[in-house]
Amino acid sequence: MLCSFSTLDNTNLEAIQALEKELGKMLLSFSCHDIESAVIDDEELSKISELEKKLGPVL
């Protein structure tokens, strides 16, 4: 499962902001998706790891 910040239309954003104001708390909106990870071999993993070290983010 992969989750990321939701893309919200103005109506949904306004509803969330109204609830945030009412609660006095910041809310985050996430959308989750079922995904199937690719199978990678050792050579591919090594290349991915090298790029992660160079760029910083986890791939």
N, C-alpha and C. Protein backbone atom coordinates (compact mmCIF):
# COMPACT_ATOMS: atom_id res chain seq x y z
N MET A 1 0.85 -1.16 0.00
CA MET A 1 0.00 0.00 0.00
C MET A 1 0.90 1.23 0.00
N LEU A 2 0.52 2.21 -0.80
CA LEU A 2 1.27 3.45 -0.92
C LEU A 2 0.33 4.60 -0.60
N CYS A 3 0.74 5.47 0.30
CA CYS A 3 -0.08 6.62 0.68
C CYS A 3 0.68 7.90 0.36
N SER A 4 -0.05 8.91 -0.08
CA SER A 4 0.52 10.23 -0.36
C SER A 4 -0.52 11.28 -0.01
N PHE A 5 -0.08 12.53 -0.01
CA PHE A 5 -1.03 13.61 0.26
C PHE A 5 -2.13 13.61 -0.79
N SER A 6 -3.35 13.86 -0.36
CA SER A 6 -4.51 13.88 -1.26
C SER A 6 -4.52 15.15 -2.11
N THR A 7 -5.07 15.02 -3.30
CA THR A 7 -5.40 16.17 -4.12
C THR A 7 -6.85 16.51 -3.82
N LEU A 8 -7.07 17.72 -3.34
CA LEU A 8 -8.41 18.11 -2.88
C LEU A 8 -8.99 19.20 -3.76
N ASP A 9 -10.29 19.11 -4.02
CA ASP A 9 -10.95 20.23 -4.69
C ASP A 9 -11.29 21.28 -3.64
N ASN A 10 -11.72 22.45 -4.08
CA ASN A 10 -11.99 23.55 -3.15
C ASN A 10 -13.04 23.20 -2.10
N THR A 11 -14.06 22.47 -2.50
CA THR A 11 -15.13 22.10 -1.56
C THR A 11 -14.58 21.25 -0.43
N ASN A 12 -13.80 20.23 -0.77
CA ASN A 12 -13.23 19.36 0.26
C ASN A 12 -12.22 20.11 1.13
N LEU A 13 -11.41 20.95 0.49
CA LEU A 13 -10.42 21.73 1.23
C LEU A 13 -11.10 22.65 2.24
N GLU A 14 -12.16 23.32 1.81
CA GLU A 14 -12.89 24.22 2.70
C GLU A 14 -13.52 23.46 3.87
N ALA A 15 -14.04 22.26 3.61
CA ALA A 15 -14.63 21.45 4.68
C ALA A 15 -13.57 21.05 5.70
N ILE A 16 -12.40 20.67 5.22
CA ILE A 16 -11.31 20.30 6.12
C ILE A 16 -10.84 21.51 6.92
N GLN A 17 -10.70 22.64 6.25
CA GLN A 17 -10.26 23.85 6.95
C GLN A 17 -11.27 24.28 8.01
N ALA A 18 -12.55 24.11 7.74
CA ALA A 18 -13.58 24.45 8.73
C ALA A 18 -13.45 23.54 9.95
N LEU A 19 -13.21 22.26 9.73
CA LEU A 19 -13.05 21.33 10.84
C LEU A 19 -11.77 21.64 11.62
N GLU A 20 -10.70 21.98 10.91
CA GLU A 20 -9.46 22.37 11.59
C GLU A 20 -9.71 23.55 12.52
N LYS A 21 -10.44 24.54 12.02
CA LYS A 21 -10.74 25.72 12.83
C LYS A 21 -11.57 25.34 14.05
N GLU A 22 -12.56 24.49 13.85
CA GLU A 22 -13.43 24.05 14.95
C GLU A 22 -12.64 23.28 16.01
N LEU A 23 -11.76 22.40 15.56
CA LEU A 23 -11.00 21.56 16.49
C LEU A 23 -9.76 22.25 17.06
N GLY A 24 -9.29 23.28 16.35
CA GLY A 24 -8.04 23.92 16.75
C GLY A 24 -6.84 23.04 16.49
N LYS A 25 -6.96 22.17 15.51
CA LYS A 25 -5.90 21.21 15.17
C LYS A 25 -5.66 21.23 13.66
N MET A 26 -4.40 20.96 13.27
CA MET A 26 -4.07 20.81 11.87
C MET A 26 -4.37 19.38 11.44
N LEU A 27 -5.03 19.22 10.31
CA LEU A 27 -5.33 17.89 9.77
C LEU A 27 -4.56 17.69 8.48
N LEU A 28 -4.16 16.46 8.22
CA LEU A 28 -3.52 16.09 6.97
C LEU A 28 -4.42 15.11 6.24
N SER A 29 -4.49 15.24 4.92
CA SER A 29 -5.32 14.36 4.12
C SER A 29 -4.44 13.45 3.27
N PHE A 30 -4.59 12.15 3.47
CA PHE A 30 -3.83 11.16 2.72
C PHE A 30 -4.77 10.31 1.88
N SER A 31 -4.29 9.90 0.72
CA SER A 31 -4.98 8.92 -0.12
C SER A 31 -4.06 7.71 -0.26
N CYS A 32 -4.60 6.53 -0.06
CA CYS A 32 -3.80 5.30 -0.13
C CYS A 32 -4.26 4.44 -1.31
N HIS A 33 -3.29 3.77 -1.91
CA HIS A 33 -3.55 2.96 -3.09
C HIS A 33 -2.86 1.61 -2.94
N ASP A 34 -3.56 0.55 -3.32
CA ASP A 34 -2.95 -0.77 -3.34
C ASP A 34 -2.06 -0.86 -4.58
N ILE A 35 -0.80 -1.17 -4.36
CA ILE A 35 0.12 -1.32 -5.48
C ILE A 35 0.88 -2.63 -5.31
N GLU A 36 1.40 -3.13 -6.40
CA GLU A 36 2.22 -4.33 -6.36
C GLU A 36 3.65 -3.92 -6.68
N SER A 37 4.56 -4.19 -5.77
CA SER A 37 5.96 -3.81 -5.95
C SER A 37 6.59 -4.65 -7.05
N ALA A 38 7.51 -4.03 -7.78
CA ALA A 38 8.26 -4.74 -8.81
C ALA A 38 9.32 -5.62 -8.15
N VAL A 39 9.65 -6.71 -8.80
CA VAL A 39 10.74 -7.57 -8.35
C VAL A 39 12.01 -7.06 -9.01
N ILE A 40 13.04 -6.79 -8.19
CA ILE A 40 14.30 -6.29 -8.74
C ILE A 40 15.43 -7.23 -8.33
N ASP A 41 16.45 -7.29 -9.19
CA ASP A 41 17.59 -8.15 -8.88
C ASP A 41 18.66 -7.34 -8.13
N ASP A 42 19.74 -8.00 -7.74
CA ASP A 42 20.78 -7.36 -6.94
C ASP A 42 21.44 -6.19 -7.67
N GLU A 43 21.65 -6.34 -8.97
CA GLU A 43 22.28 -5.27 -9.75
C GLU A 43 21.37 -4.03 -9.79
N GLU A 44 20.09 -4.24 -10.01
CA GLU A 44 19.15 -3.12 -10.02
C GLU A 44 19.07 -2.45 -8.65
N LEU A 45 19.06 -3.25 -7.60
CA LEU A 45 19.02 -2.71 -6.24
C LEU A 45 20.26 -1.87 -5.96
N SER A 46 21.40 -2.32 -6.43
CA SER A 46 22.64 -1.58 -6.24
C SER A 46 22.57 -0.21 -6.93
N LYS A 47 22.05 -0.18 -8.15
CA LYS A 47 21.92 1.08 -8.89
C LYS A 47 20.95 2.03 -8.19
N ILE A 48 19.87 1.48 -7.69
CA ILE A 48 18.89 2.30 -6.97
C ILE A 48 19.53 2.87 -5.70
N SER A 49 20.25 2.04 -4.97
CA SER A 49 20.91 2.48 -3.73
C SER A 49 21.92 3.58 -4.00
N GLU A 50 22.68 3.46 -5.08
CA GLU A 50 23.66 4.48 -5.45
C GLU A 50 22.97 5.82 -5.71
N LEU A 51 21.86 5.79 -6.43
CA LEU A 51 21.14 7.03 -6.74
C LEU A 51 20.54 7.63 -5.47
N GLU A 52 20.04 6.79 -4.58
CA GLU A 52 19.50 7.28 -3.30
C GLU A 52 20.59 8.02 -2.51
N LYS A 53 21.79 7.45 -2.47
CA LYS A 53 22.90 8.08 -1.75
C LYS A 53 23.25 9.42 -2.37
N LYS A 54 23.18 9.50 -3.69
CA LYS A 54 23.52 10.74 -4.40
C LYS A 54 22.46 11.81 -4.21
N LEU A 55 21.18 11.44 -4.30
CA LEU A 55 20.08 12.41 -4.28
C LEU A 55 19.50 12.67 -2.90
N GLY A 56 19.55 11.68 -2.03
CA GLY A 56 18.97 11.83 -0.70
C GLY A 56 17.64 11.13 -0.49
N PRO A 57 16.66 11.28 -1.40
CA PRO A 57 15.36 10.64 -1.16
C PRO A 57 15.45 9.12 -1.28
N VAL A 58 14.51 8.46 -0.65
CA VAL A 58 14.42 7.01 -0.74
C VAL A 58 13.54 6.67 -1.93
N LEU A 59 14.05 5.82 -2.81
CA LEU A 59 13.29 5.42 -4.01
C LEU A 59 12.62 4.09 -3.78
